[in-house]
Protein backbone atom coordinates (compact mmCIF):
# COMPACT_ATOMS: atom_id res chain seq x y z
CA MET A 1 169.51 123.34 131.11
CA ASP A 2 166.08 124.05 131.89
CA ALA A 3 163.24 122.99 129.66
CA ALA A 4 159.78 122.13 129.65
CA PRO A 5 158.75 118.12 129.19
CA HIS A 6 156.27 116.63 127.63
CA GLY A 7 153.17 115.26 129.10
CA LEU A 8 154.54 114.72 132.70
CA GLY A 9 152.62 113.45 135.61
CA CYS A 10 153.30 114.96 139.15
CA CYS A 11 154.37 113.91 139.86
CA ALA A 12 148.54 105.75 149.81
CA MET A 13 144.23 98.96 159.27
CA PRO A 14 143.08 97.79 156.27
CA SER A 15 139.26 98.33 156.03
CA PRO A 16 137.29 94.55 155.46
CA ARG A 17 137.79 93.19 152.24
CA THR A 18 134.67 93.33 149.82
CA HIS A 19 134.74 91.48 147.10
CA ARG A 20 132.60 92.42 144.17
CA PRO A 21 130.56 89.47 143.25
CA LEU A 22 130.89 87.79 140.27
CA LEU A 23 127.58 86.51 138.94
CA VAL A 24 128.80 83.36 138.75
CA GLY A 25 127.10 80.08 136.22
CA MET A 26 129.52 77.30 135.91
CA LEU A 27 132.94 76.78 136.26
CA VAL A 28 134.38 75.23 133.26
CA ALA A 29 137.78 73.59 132.74
CA GLY A 30 139.84 73.95 130.16
CA THR A 31 143.42 74.25 128.89
CA VAL A 32 146.15 76.75 127.91
CA GLY A 33 149.93 75.09 127.36
CA GLY A 34 148.69 71.60 128.09
CA ALA A 35 147.86 72.98 131.53
CA ALA A 36 144.31 73.32 133.32
CA LEU A 37 142.61 76.42 133.29
CA LEU A 38 140.42 77.48 135.52
CA VAL A 39 137.19 79.54 133.79
CA ILE A 40 134.25 81.00 135.04
CA ALA A 41 131.09 82.38 132.96
CA ALA A 42 127.57 84.01 133.45
CA THR A 43 124.73 83.38 133.30
CA SER A 44 122.58 86.75 134.29
CA GLY A 45 123.02 90.61 134.27
CA MET A 46 126.30 89.94 131.99
CA ALA A 47 124.73 89.57 128.61
CA TRP A 48 128.18 90.97 127.66
CA PHE A 49 130.20 87.76 128.47
CA ASP A 50 130.37 86.45 125.01
CA SER A 51 132.54 83.43 126.21
CA PRO A 52 133.65 82.34 129.84
CA LEU A 53 136.22 83.91 131.93
CA ALA A 54 139.39 82.68 133.31
CA VAL A 55 139.89 82.67 136.65
CA GLY A 56 142.24 80.73 137.95
CA PRO A 57 145.86 80.51 136.49
CA PRO A 58 147.23 78.40 133.85
CA SER A 59 150.27 77.07 135.20
CA ASP A 60 152.47 78.25 137.93
CA THR A 61 153.23 81.41 138.72
CA PRO A 62 156.29 82.49 136.95
CA ALA A 63 159.14 84.05 139.78
CA GLY A 64 158.51 87.69 140.95
CA MET A 65 154.32 87.80 139.69
CA VAL A 66 151.42 87.32 140.93
CA TRP A 67 148.52 85.81 139.41
CA VAL A 68 145.54 88.40 139.21
CA PRO A 69 142.28 86.55 139.57
CA GLY A 70 139.95 87.18 136.15
CA GLY A 71 136.62 88.81 137.37
CA THR A 72 134.82 91.90 136.83
CA PHE A 73 135.09 95.60 138.39
CA ARG A 74 133.88 99.18 138.16
CA MET A 75 136.82 101.14 136.51
CA GLY A 76 136.96 105.01 137.09
CA GLY A 77 136.16 107.51 139.89
CA GLU A 78 133.65 105.67 142.03
CA ASP A 79 134.74 106.96 145.10
CA PRO A 80 133.79 110.41 146.39
CA HIS A 81 137.83 111.79 147.13
CA PRO A 82 137.69 115.41 145.68
CA GLY A 83 140.58 114.69 143.70
CA LYS A 84 138.47 113.41 141.18
CA ARG A 85 138.70 114.14 137.66
CA ALA A 86 136.92 114.29 134.58
CA ASP A 87 139.00 111.29 132.94
CA GLU A 88 137.69 108.61 135.43
CA LEU A 89 134.73 109.04 134.18
CA PRO A 90 132.08 107.19 133.83
CA VAL A 91 132.19 104.73 135.87
CA HIS A 92 132.05 101.69 133.61
CA ASP A 93 131.85 97.62 133.67
CA VAL A 94 134.69 95.42 133.00
CA ALA A 95 135.79 92.27 132.46
CA LEU A 96 138.93 90.73 132.48
CA ASP A 97 140.44 87.34 132.33
CA GLY A 98 143.40 86.01 134.50
CA PHE A 99 146.89 87.44 134.23
CA TRP A 100 150.03 87.33 135.99
CA MET A 101 151.63 90.69 137.39
CA ASP A 102 155.29 91.47 138.61
CA ALA A 103 154.59 91.82 142.49
CA THR A 104 157.23 94.94 142.22
CA GLU A 105 158.34 97.54 139.81
CA VAL A 106 160.92 96.56 137.40
CA THR A 107 164.26 97.49 139.71
CA ASN A 108 166.93 98.71 139.11
CA ALA A 109 169.38 95.20 138.91
CA GLN A 110 166.51 93.49 136.98
CA PHE A 111 166.93 96.42 134.39
CA ALA A 112 170.82 96.35 134.77
CA ALA A 113 170.59 92.55 133.55
CA PHE A 114 168.41 93.33 130.43
CA VAL A 115 171.35 96.24 129.68
CA ALA A 116 174.05 93.60 130.10
CA ALA A 117 172.49 90.56 127.87
CA THR A 118 170.84 93.24 124.92
CA GLY A 119 173.65 96.10 125.24
CA TYR A 120 170.45 98.52 124.98
CA ALA A 121 170.41 102.15 125.51
CA THR A 122 167.56 104.09 126.78
CA ALA A 123 166.13 106.74 124.78
CA ALA A 124 168.29 109.04 127.99
CA GLU A 125 171.33 107.88 126.92
CA ARG A 126 171.08 108.53 122.92
CA THR A 127 171.33 111.69 121.40
CA PRO A 128 167.92 113.22 120.30
CA ARG A 129 167.58 114.65 116.53
CA ARG A 130 165.36 117.30 115.54
CA GLU A 131 163.74 114.77 113.48
CA ASP A 132 162.28 112.98 116.77
CA PHE A 133 160.54 116.52 116.91
CA ALA A 134 158.12 117.20 113.92
CA GLY A 135 155.05 117.54 114.37
CA GLN A 136 155.35 118.31 118.25
CA THR A 137 156.96 121.96 117.70
CA ASP A 138 158.92 123.66 115.18
CA ILE A 139 162.25 121.97 115.00
CA ALA A 140 164.04 124.73 113.66
CA ALA A 141 163.97 126.73 117.30
CA ILE A 142 165.30 124.36 118.73
CA PRO A 143 168.88 125.23 119.91
CA ASP A 144 172.12 123.10 119.26
CA GLU A 145 172.69 122.90 122.82
CA MET A 146 169.34 120.98 123.98
CA LEU A 147 169.85 117.93 121.76
CA VAL A 148 171.77 116.30 124.13
CA PRO A 149 171.34 112.87 126.35
CA GLY A 150 169.27 113.49 129.29
CA SER A 151 166.30 113.31 131.30
CA ILE A 152 163.85 115.41 133.21
CA CYS A 153 164.34 115.75 136.71
CA PHE A 154 163.61 117.72 139.71
CA ASN A 155 164.20 121.34 139.78
CA PRO A 156 164.89 122.23 143.73
CA ASN A 157 166.38 125.34 142.96
CA PHE A 158 162.99 126.58 141.30
CA ASP A 159 162.30 130.31 141.28
CA ARG A 160 159.80 130.90 144.88
CA GLU A 161 159.06 134.32 144.32
CA THR A 162 158.10 134.07 140.60
CA LEU A 163 156.23 130.52 141.00
CA ARG A 164 152.71 130.89 139.21
CA GLN A 165 150.15 127.70 139.86
CA GLY A 166 146.56 126.82 139.39
CA PHE A 167 147.14 126.33 135.67
CA PRO A 168 147.64 123.26 133.14
CA GLY A 169 151.11 122.54 132.71
CA TRP A 170 151.95 125.14 135.72
CA GLU A 171 154.42 121.93 137.14
CA TYR A 172 156.49 122.97 134.39
CA GLN A 173 157.92 125.41 136.27
CA VAL A 174 159.53 122.58 138.77
CA TRP A 175 161.29 120.32 136.09
CA ARG A 176 164.14 121.06 134.05
CA GLN A 177 165.99 118.96 131.52
CA VAL A 178 169.42 117.29 133.26
CA GLU A 179 172.37 116.64 130.76
CA GLY A 180 173.35 113.01 131.25
CA ALA A 181 170.80 112.09 133.32
CA ASN A 182 169.31 108.34 133.21
CA TRP A 183 168.87 105.40 135.12
CA ARG A 184 172.30 104.95 135.42
CA GLU A 185 172.83 107.76 137.42
CA PRO A 186 169.50 109.25 138.09
CA GLU A 187 170.14 112.92 139.03
CA GLY A 188 172.68 113.61 136.34
CA PRO A 189 176.60 112.76 135.98
CA GLY A 190 178.45 111.51 139.40
CA SER A 191 174.76 110.37 141.12
CA SER A 192 174.36 106.54 141.27
CA ILE A 193 172.32 103.45 141.58
CA ALA A 194 174.98 101.67 143.44
CA ASN A 195 173.09 101.58 146.20
CA ARG A 196 169.84 101.72 144.71
CA MET A 197 169.30 98.36 143.20
CA ASP A 198 166.39 97.14 144.83
CA HIS A 199 164.66 100.46 143.91
CA PRO A 200 162.30 101.10 140.76
CA VAL A 201 164.56 101.92 137.80
CA VAL A 202 163.54 105.38 136.56
CA HIS A 203 164.33 107.65 133.60
CA VAL A 204 162.76 104.81 130.94
CA ALA A 205 160.63 106.02 128.34
CA TRP A 206 157.40 104.08 127.34
CA ASP A 207 159.28 102.58 124.11
CA ASP A 208 162.47 101.41 126.89
CA ALA A 209 159.62 99.83 128.88
CA VAL A 210 158.46 97.93 126.02
CA ALA A 211 162.07 96.58 124.98
CA TYR A 212 162.90 95.32 128.66
CA CYS A 213 159.49 93.55 128.23
CA ARG A 214 160.11 91.81 124.79
CA TRP A 215 163.48 90.85 126.09
CA ALA A 216 161.62 89.06 129.50
CA GLY A 217 158.39 87.94 127.21
CA LYS A 218 156.40 89.42 128.89
CA ASP A 219 153.83 92.64 127.77
CA LEU A 220 152.60 96.18 129.66
CA PRO A 221 149.72 96.15 131.34
CA THR A 222 146.85 97.75 130.13
CA GLU A 223 144.91 100.32 131.62
CA ALA A 224 141.65 98.23 132.93
CA GLU A 225 144.24 95.90 133.77
CA TRP A 226 146.39 97.82 136.09
CA GLU A 227 143.66 99.59 137.81
CA TYR A 228 141.69 96.35 138.35
CA ALA A 229 144.93 94.67 140.02
CA ALA A 230 145.47 97.84 141.57
CA ARG A 231 141.87 97.69 143.62
CA GLY A 232 142.64 94.32 145.05
CA GLY A 233 139.60 92.87 145.21
CA ARG A 234 138.03 95.80 147.06
CA VAL A 235 134.92 97.49 145.16
CA GLY A 236 135.05 101.13 145.22
CA ALA A 237 137.92 102.21 147.14
CA THR A 238 139.91 105.33 146.89
CA TYR A 239 143.48 103.22 147.70
CA PRO A 240 145.09 99.89 147.31
CA TRP A 241 143.73 99.33 150.51
CA GLY A 242 141.03 101.08 151.40
CA ASN A 243 139.40 104.78 151.93
CA GLU A 244 141.71 106.29 154.52
CA LEU A 245 145.00 107.58 153.63
CA ARG A 246 146.63 106.60 156.60
CA PRO A 247 144.95 103.55 158.51
CA ASP A 248 145.94 103.86 161.79
CA GLY A 249 148.21 106.43 161.13
CA GLN A 250 150.59 104.32 159.35
CA TRP A 251 151.73 105.58 156.21
CA ARG A 252 151.35 102.85 153.11
CA ASN A 253 152.63 104.94 150.37
CA ASN A 254 155.53 106.53 149.30
CA ILE A 255 154.45 109.86 148.02
CA TRP A 256 155.06 114.36 149.19
CA GLN A 257 154.14 115.06 152.78
CA GLY A 258 153.80 118.61 152.93
CA LYS A 259 152.60 121.75 150.46
CA PHE A 260 154.06 120.87 146.91
CA PRO A 261 156.47 121.99 145.52
CA PHE A 262 157.99 123.86 148.87
CA GLU A 263 158.46 121.32 151.11
CA ASN A 264 158.73 117.69 150.93
CA GLN A 265 158.59 116.68 154.76
CA ALA A 266 159.58 112.98 153.83
CA ARG A 267 157.57 111.93 157.29
CA ASP A 268 156.51 108.28 155.43
CA GLY A 269 160.72 108.23 155.46
CA PHE A 270 161.45 108.73 151.75
CA ALA A 271 162.34 112.18 149.79
CA ALA A 272 162.28 110.44 146.81
CA THR A 273 162.40 106.64 145.51
CA ALA A 274 161.61 104.15 147.95
CA PRO A 275 163.17 100.53 147.59
CA VAL A 276 160.56 97.95 146.63
CA GLN A 277 158.12 95.93 149.08
CA SER A 278 159.15 98.68 151.45
CA PHE A 279 155.46 99.23 152.66
CA PRO A 280 152.53 96.31 152.56
CA PRO A 281 151.27 94.65 149.08
CA ASN A 282 147.35 94.86 148.58
CA ASP A 283 145.09 91.86 149.04
CA TYR A 284 146.83 90.36 145.41
CA GLY A 285 150.17 90.71 147.02
CA LEU A 286 151.65 93.47 144.89
CA PHE A 287 153.64 95.96 146.15
CA ASP A 288 153.27 99.59 145.65
CA MET A 289 150.50 100.19 143.60
CA SER A 290 150.15 103.36 145.25
CA GLY A 291 152.86 105.45 144.85
CA ASN A 292 156.83 105.34 144.56
CA VAL A 293 156.63 105.69 140.73
CA TRP A 294 154.16 106.43 137.81
CA GLU A 295 154.05 102.68 135.90
CA TRP A 296 153.67 102.92 132.31
CA CYS A 297 150.39 100.97 130.56
CA ALA A 298 150.25 99.87 126.91
CA ASP A 299 147.21 102.01 126.11
CA TRP A 300 146.75 105.37 124.31
CA TYR A 301 145.62 108.72 126.31
CA ARG A 302 142.37 110.10 125.40
CA PRO A 303 140.24 111.47 128.85
CA ASP A 304 137.06 110.97 126.58
CA TYR A 305 138.12 106.46 126.26
CA TYR A 306 135.85 105.47 129.11
CA GLU A 307 132.27 106.77 126.83
CA ASN A 308 133.80 104.47 124.15
CA SER A 309 135.87 101.69 126.01
CA LYS A 310 135.09 97.68 125.39
CA ARG A 311 133.80 95.65 128.44
CA ARG A 312 135.58 92.72 128.05
CA ASN A 313 139.53 92.98 127.87
CA PRO A 314 139.29 96.68 126.58
CA ALA A 315 143.23 97.48 125.05
CA GLY A 316 142.53 101.40 124.89
CA PRO A 317 141.60 103.57 122.38
CA ASP A 318 143.29 103.29 118.78
CA LYS A 319 144.98 106.62 118.76
CA SER A 320 146.05 108.89 121.48
CA PHE A 321 144.03 112.85 122.11
CA ASP A 322 145.42 114.87 124.80
CA PRO A 323 143.79 118.32 124.93
CA ASP A 324 145.93 119.97 127.14
CA GLU A 325 148.84 118.98 124.27
CA PRO A 326 147.41 118.37 120.98
CA ARG A 327 150.21 117.80 118.89
CA ILE A 328 151.80 115.82 121.15
CA PRO A 329 150.70 111.55 121.53
CA LYS A 330 150.57 110.32 124.93
CA ARG A 331 150.65 106.83 126.94
CA VAL A 332 148.62 106.20 129.95
CA GLN A 333 150.82 106.33 133.40
CA ARG A 334 149.55 104.89 136.78
CA GLY A 335 149.97 104.56 140.17
CA GLY A 336 151.16 108.05 140.90
CA SER A 337 154.92 108.94 142.45
CA PHE A 338 156.41 109.80 145.56
CA MET A 339 155.90 113.20 143.94
CA CYS A 340 152.73 113.37 144.19
CA SER A 341 150.52 115.05 147.38
CA ASP A 342 147.21 115.77 148.68
CA ASP A 343 147.49 119.59 147.52
CA TYR A 344 148.77 118.71 144.03
CA CYS A 345 147.93 116.01 141.94
CA ILE A 346 146.74 113.08 143.77
CA GLY A 347 147.88 110.42 141.68
CA TYR A 348 148.24 107.58 143.91
CA ARG A 349 144.14 107.07 143.98
CA ALA A 350 143.48 103.90 142.33
CA ALA A 351 141.70 105.26 139.94
CA ALA A 352 143.54 108.22 139.04
CA ARG A 353 144.83 108.90 135.47
CA MET A 354 148.03 110.27 134.07
CA LYS A 355 149.55 110.42 130.75
CA GLY A 356 153.09 111.14 129.20
CA ASP A 357 155.24 111.35 126.24
CA PRO A 358 156.21 107.68 125.03
CA SER A 359 159.48 109.14 124.03
CA SER A 360 160.68 110.76 126.82
CA GLY A 361 161.30 109.17 130.74
CA ALA A 362 161.41 111.23 133.86
CA PHE A 363 162.72 110.48 137.45
CA HIS A 364 159.96 109.36 138.78
CA THR A 365 158.22 107.46 135.80
CA GLY A 366 158.86 103.30 135.56
CA PHE A 367 156.79 100.06 135.14
CA ARG A 368 156.04 96.97 135.72
CA CYS A 369 155.20 94.08 133.28
CA VAL A 370 152.73 90.90 133.00
CA VAL A 371 151.81 87.82 131.42
CA ARG A 372 149.25 86.88 129.57
CA ALA A 373 148.09 83.10 129.87
CA ALA A 374 147.59 83.17 125.51
CA LYS A 375 151.68 84.24 125.92
CA LEU A 376 152.24 82.08 128.70
CA ASP A 377 154.96 79.72 125.44
CA GLU A 378 156.33 83.44 124.65
CA TYR A 379 157.26 84.07 127.95
CA ARG A 380 158.83 80.61 128.75
CA ASN A 381 161.00 81.42 124.82
CA ALA A 382 161.74 84.64 125.85
CA PRO A 383 165.56 85.63 125.58
CA ALA A 384 165.89 86.38 129.11
CA HIS A 385 164.80 82.61 130.15
CA GLN A 386 166.69 81.24 127.14
CA ALA A 387 169.83 82.54 128.39
CA ARG A 388 169.37 81.09 131.67
CA ALA A 389 168.48 77.57 130.62
CA GLN A 390 171.95 77.71 128.81
């Protein structure tokens, strides 16, 4: 059963580390949850710092996470890459308080633990209703056979003779809705994750990712947090490790090699998802911030948001607008996936933005989580950790 999905993206020797200088005025000791908190204040040139930034961790780092120190950075498409898009501009200054981020994308094993503890069923496992699509399309025209559980997969048997490229949404010709596809059976009935428990979970909608976060006492990262973390302290670099796609001839990310969508040469060793930590981390110790799977962010998507973004801990616009599909609200996705190539979306660049329908998952979309210092107690008291303590 083929159908056009809504808002799907396509769907990485490091250069010397060059941190953006912080305008340091003074170090201030504070406390969060009874623990010391290192903060930093700016005294010149950054009048938009109305209070000190949290830089150092307020507590021990949670298992499987990495502390991302607070600071400032230039957000957006500052690099000269020809794949840069208009929604990456203008480049603008952002200041962020420090936070913890999952070192890897959430894996099948981690998501399975959540489902086992809660009985949660993902969007792909539930039967959709016509009213779910109200305001997006003529719901009376939706055929009954489309209202079945399933998710979006790549269609390797797309018609190569009739395929047309070069217009918005052309990639819908190579996707298909697969009945029964979900996180447990990624390619549809009969497929399995039994040998992929260390791969990122896929076929999760934004709402599914948020449900996992609530159970774990975490949050989805904001788009600004995601890009800042991906850059790993490097200034204006194209990729999380620098400006060369293949330093010393080595692949640093899981992406598509060959002409998309006709030939995937899998020269990086993977034709689909890769186990997390298959490639070196960035300078913050974060894996797969480029390629493997797209990652949901907390923010609504607008192509013009950077023109009006807050500069301190921005959390995105109040509502979504995607001019390509104006009737469908979108959430931000970041990082690119194994479906991204250098002749298609190039979504594996640190500045690249993508968007997706939050009610839909896909075969190349996952997520990772953050914990902010202000919500440390919420993390400690989350159902996931209370169950372990009993």
